[in-house]
Amino acid sequence: MILDEDMGSLRIRVFNAIENAILNGEYKDGESLSELRISKEMGVSRTPVREALMQLELEGLVRNIPNKGAVVVGVSQQDTRDIYEIRIRIEGLAAKLCAEKITEQELTALEKIVELQEFYLMKNDTEQIWKLDSDFHKIIYDASRSRPLRFMLSNFHNYIKKARDTSVRTEGRAEKTVAEHRAILDAIKARDSALAEKLTAEHITNAEENIFPK
C-alpha cells in the first residue's frame, strides 16, 4: 500500500510502480489495466492511477482501446533491438563527456562499483553484478553533464531491464561485463575520452550480440 503523501510525489510513485510492473513482466502484454483494481492494490485513489496510465500511454507502454480501457503494450523484441542500436551510437558519447567532466568524487564511486563487481564475480553472484551494472552506467550518465543524454539513456536502461538481466545471467557474460567495465573505468581515469567512447560502444555492442546472436 502507498501511504498518504503530497499529491505530486504520490503521482510519481504510482507511475513508477505501474511502469516497473510492466517492464518486469508482472503486467503482461495485452493485459487490461483496471484503474479500480490498481487503486485498491496500491491503496490510493483512482486519480493518480488514471494520470499514471495517461503518462504511460504517452511513453508507449500502454494503449487505450475503446470500450476496453488501458491495455499493456510493453517493450517488444524489436523495441529492444532498436534501443540497443541507439545506445551503441550515443552511449559512447556519454562516456566521452564523462571522461572530460567527471569529478574525483564520482570517479571514486565508479571505481568502487567496479571493485564490488569484481568481488561478486568471485562469489559468482550475478544478481549483485546486475544491480551494480545500473549504478555504473548511471554515474557515467550523470558525469556527462548532459541532461538530454542522461534522460534518454536512463529511460532506455530502464526499458530493457529484462533483456539486461537475461544478458548478464548468460554463461560467461558476467565475466566479460566486469572486464569491460574495468577497461572503461581505466580509460575514464586516464581522461582518455576517445578510448572511453570506443570501449563503451563496444561494450553495448557485445551486450546486444549476447541477447541477439548474429
Protein backbone atom coordinates (compact mmCIF):
# COMPACT_ATOMS: atom_id res chain seq x y z
CA MET A 1 0.00 0.00 0.00
CA ILE A 2 1.19 3.51 -0.79
CA LEU A 3 0.75 5.70 2.27
CA ASP A 4 -0.57 9.30 2.35
CA GLU A 5 1.85 11.85 0.91
CA ASP A 6 1.77 15.00 -1.19
CA MET A 7 -0.06 14.59 -4.50
CA GLY A 8 2.95 15.26 -6.73
CA SER A 9 5.06 12.63 -5.01
CA LEU A 10 2.14 10.21 -4.99
CA ARG A 11 1.63 10.54 -8.75
CA ILE A 12 5.30 9.81 -9.36
CA ARG A 13 5.31 6.76 -7.09
CA VAL A 14 2.17 5.32 -8.67
CA PHE A 15 3.60 5.89 -12.15
CA ASN A 16 6.92 4.23 -11.21
CA ALA A 17 5.14 1.27 -9.61
CA ILE A 18 2.99 0.59 -12.69
CA GLU A 19 5.88 1.17 -15.08
CA ASN A 20 8.10 -1.27 -13.18
CA ALA A 21 5.31 -3.86 -13.11
CA ILE A 22 5.05 -3.61 -16.90
CA LEU A 23 8.81 -3.72 -17.50
CA ASN A 24 9.28 -6.62 -15.08
CA GLY A 25 6.53 -8.60 -16.78
CA GLU A 26 4.18 -8.54 -13.80
CA TYR A 27 1.63 -6.94 -16.13
CA LYS A 28 1.70 -8.90 -19.40
CA ASP A 29 1.37 -7.60 -22.95
CA GLY A 30 -2.31 -7.31 -23.85
CA GLU A 31 -3.44 -7.29 -20.21
CA SER A 32 -6.15 -4.79 -19.30
CA LEU A 33 -5.23 -2.39 -16.52
CA SER A 34 -8.25 -1.58 -14.36
CA GLU A 35 -8.00 1.77 -12.56
CA LEU A 36 -10.18 0.42 -9.76
CA ARG A 37 -8.16 -2.77 -9.29
CA ILE A 38 -4.81 -0.98 -9.31
CA SER A 39 -6.03 1.73 -6.96
CA LYS A 40 -7.18 -0.94 -4.48
CA GLU A 41 -3.89 -2.86 -4.80
CA MET A 42 -1.88 0.29 -4.14
CA GLY A 43 -4.18 1.80 -1.57
CA VAL A 44 -4.64 5.07 -3.46
CA SER A 45 -7.49 6.90 -5.17
CA ARG A 46 -8.18 6.35 -8.86
CA THR A 47 -6.93 9.83 -9.82
CA PRO A 48 -3.14 9.17 -9.61
CA VAL A 49 -3.67 5.79 -11.29
CA ARG A 50 -5.55 7.44 -14.17
CA GLU A 51 -2.84 10.07 -14.53
CA ALA A 52 -0.12 7.40 -14.47
CA LEU A 53 -1.86 5.41 -17.20
CA MET A 54 -2.15 8.55 -19.34
CA GLN A 55 1.59 9.17 -18.96
CA LEU A 56 2.38 5.54 -19.75
CA GLU A 57 0.33 5.86 -22.93
CA LEU A 58 2.48 8.84 -23.96
CA GLU A 59 5.56 6.69 -23.38
CA GLY A 60 4.15 3.86 -25.49
CA LEU A 61 3.86 1.27 -22.73
CA VAL A 62 0.06 1.42 -22.59
CA ARG A 63 -2.62 1.83 -25.25
CA ASN A 64 -6.17 2.99 -24.61
CA ILE A 65 -8.70 0.89 -26.52
CA PRO A 66 -12.35 1.98 -26.85
CA ASN A 67 -14.70 0.01 -24.58
CA LYS A 68 -11.72 -1.80 -23.04
CA GLY A 69 -9.60 0.89 -21.43
CA ALA A 70 -5.84 0.81 -20.84
CA VAL A 71 -4.03 -2.23 -22.21
CA VAL A 72 -0.36 -3.11 -21.73
CA VAL A 73 1.84 -2.75 -24.81
CA GLY A 74 5.17 -3.32 -23.12
CA VAL A 75 8.59 -3.47 -24.78
CA SER A 76 8.76 -5.74 -27.82
CA GLN A 77 11.81 -7.62 -29.04
CA GLN A 78 12.09 -5.11 -31.90
CA ASP A 79 11.92 -2.26 -29.38
CA THR A 80 14.81 -3.85 -27.50
CA ARG A 81 16.85 -4.23 -30.69
CA ASP A 82 16.19 -0.61 -31.60
CA ILE A 83 17.15 0.61 -28.14
CA TYR A 84 20.46 -1.26 -28.28
CA GLU A 85 21.21 0.14 -31.72
CA ILE A 86 20.57 3.67 -30.47
CA ARG A 87 22.61 3.04 -27.32
CA ILE A 88 25.57 1.86 -29.40
CA ARG A 89 25.55 5.21 -31.16
CA ILE A 90 25.08 7.57 -28.23
CA GLU A 91 26.24 5.81 -25.06
CA GLY A 92 29.82 6.20 -26.20
CA LEU A 93 29.22 9.94 -26.34
CA ALA A 94 28.13 9.90 -22.70
CA ALA A 95 31.36 8.09 -21.75
CA LYS A 96 33.40 10.57 -23.78
CA LEU A 97 31.83 13.52 -21.97
CA CYS A 98 32.17 11.69 -18.66
CA ALA A 99 35.93 11.26 -19.16
CA GLU A 100 36.18 15.00 -19.73
CA LYS A 101 33.91 16.17 -16.90
CA ILE A 102 33.78 13.55 -14.15
CA THR A 103 34.60 14.73 -10.62
CA GLU A 104 37.02 12.96 -8.30
CA GLN A 105 34.09 12.00 -6.06
CA GLU A 106 32.23 10.43 -8.99
CA LEU A 107 35.41 8.69 -10.13
CA THR A 108 35.87 7.18 -6.67
CA ALA A 109 32.25 5.97 -6.70
CA LEU A 110 32.68 4.46 -10.17
CA GLU A 111 35.83 2.63 -9.11
CA LYS A 112 34.10 1.26 -6.02
CA ILE A 113 31.31 -0.14 -8.18
CA VAL A 114 33.78 -1.97 -10.41
CA GLU A 115 35.66 -3.30 -7.39
CA LEU A 116 32.39 -4.60 -5.94
CA GLN A 117 31.51 -6.22 -9.25
CA GLU A 118 34.88 -7.95 -9.28
CA PHE A 119 34.26 -9.14 -5.71
CA TYR A 120 30.80 -10.51 -6.58
CA LEU A 121 32.21 -12.12 -9.69
CA MET A 122 34.49 -14.21 -7.46
CA LYS A 123 31.40 -15.13 -5.45
CA ASN A 124 29.52 -15.98 -8.66
CA ASP A 125 26.74 -13.60 -7.56
CA THR A 126 25.31 -12.38 -10.88
CA GLU A 127 22.35 -10.77 -9.11
CA GLN A 128 24.59 -8.23 -7.41
CA ILE A 129 26.63 -7.71 -10.58
CA TRP A 130 23.41 -6.92 -12.44
CA LYS A 131 22.28 -4.41 -9.80
CA LEU A 132 25.65 -2.68 -9.86
CA ASP A 133 25.55 -2.51 -13.65
CA SER A 134 22.77 0.07 -13.42
CA ASP A 135 24.79 2.09 -10.90
CA PHE A 136 27.88 2.01 -13.13
CA HIS A 137 26.04 3.41 -16.13
CA LYS A 138 24.10 5.94 -14.05
CA ILE A 139 27.30 7.57 -12.80
CA ILE A 140 28.56 7.86 -16.37
CA TYR A 141 25.27 9.42 -17.49
CA ASP A 142 25.34 11.89 -14.59
CA ALA A 143 29.01 12.74 -15.11
CA SER A 144 28.40 13.52 -18.79
CA ARG A 145 26.71 16.72 -17.56
CA SER A 146 24.29 16.39 -20.46
CA ARG A 147 20.69 16.44 -19.31
CA PRO A 148 19.22 15.21 -22.64
CA LEU A 149 21.67 12.30 -22.78
CA ARG A 150 21.05 11.41 -19.14
CA PHE A 151 17.29 11.45 -19.58
CA MET A 152 17.31 9.41 -22.80
CA LEU A 153 19.81 6.78 -21.70
CA SER A 154 18.29 6.37 -18.23
CA ASN A 155 14.91 5.64 -19.81
CA PHE A 156 16.45 3.20 -22.28
CA HIS A 157 18.32 1.42 -19.50
CA ASN A 158 15.10 1.09 -17.54
CA TYR A 159 13.03 -0.12 -20.50
CA ILE A 160 15.33 -3.03 -21.31
CA LYS A 161 15.98 -4.20 -17.76
CA LYS A 162 14.60 -7.68 -18.52
CA ALA A 163 16.91 -8.04 -21.53
CA ARG A 164 19.87 -6.81 -19.49
CA ASP A 165 19.04 -9.27 -16.73
CA THR A 166 18.91 -12.11 -19.25
CA SER A 167 22.18 -10.98 -20.80
CA VAL A 168 24.25 -10.79 -17.62
CA ARG A 169 22.95 -14.18 -16.45
CA THR A 170 24.10 -15.85 -19.67
CA GLU A 171 27.09 -18.09 -19.03
CA GLY A 172 30.32 -16.16 -19.39
CA ARG A 173 28.71 -12.75 -19.87
CA ALA A 174 29.17 -11.57 -16.28
CA GLU A 175 32.95 -12.01 -16.53
CA LYS A 176 33.07 -10.10 -19.80
CA THR A 177 30.81 -7.35 -18.46
CA VAL A 178 33.02 -6.76 -15.44
CA ALA A 179 36.19 -6.79 -17.55
CA GLU A 180 34.64 -4.31 -19.98
CA HIS A 181 33.60 -2.05 -17.11
CA ARG A 182 37.15 -2.15 -15.74
CA ALA A 183 38.56 -1.15 -19.13
CA ILE A 184 36.05 1.72 -19.46
CA LEU A 185 36.88 2.88 -15.94
CA ASP A 186 40.62 2.86 -16.70
CA ALA A 187 40.03 4.97 -19.82
CA ILE A 188 37.91 7.44 -17.84
CA LYS A 189 40.54 7.62 -15.07
CA ALA A 190 43.17 8.39 -17.72
CA ARG A 191 40.84 11.10 -19.10
CA ASP A 192 41.13 9.36 -22.47
CA SER A 193 37.76 10.41 -23.86
CA ALA A 194 38.27 8.81 -27.29
CA LEU A 195 39.12 5.43 -25.77
CA ALA A 196 36.25 5.65 -23.26
CA GLU A 197 33.86 6.32 -26.14
CA LYS A 198 35.22 3.41 -28.21
CA LEU A 199 35.20 0.90 -25.35
CA THR A 200 31.69 1.85 -24.28
CA ALA A 201 30.31 1.44 -27.81
CA GLU A 202 31.98 -1.99 -27.97
CA HIS A 203 30.53 -2.87 -24.54
CA ILE A 204 26.97 -2.12 -25.70
CA THR A 205 27.56 -3.97 -28.98
CA ASN A 206 28.74 -7.04 -27.07
CA ALA A 207 25.69 -6.89 -24.80
CA GLU A 208 23.37 -6.70 -27.80
CA GLU A 209 25.09 -9.61 -29.54
CA ASN A 210 24.77 -11.64 -26.36
CA ILE A 211 20.99 -11.17 -26.46
CA PHE A 212 20.60 -11.36 -30.25
CA PRO A 213 23.38 -13.62 -31.57
CA LYS A 214 24.20 -12.98 -35.23
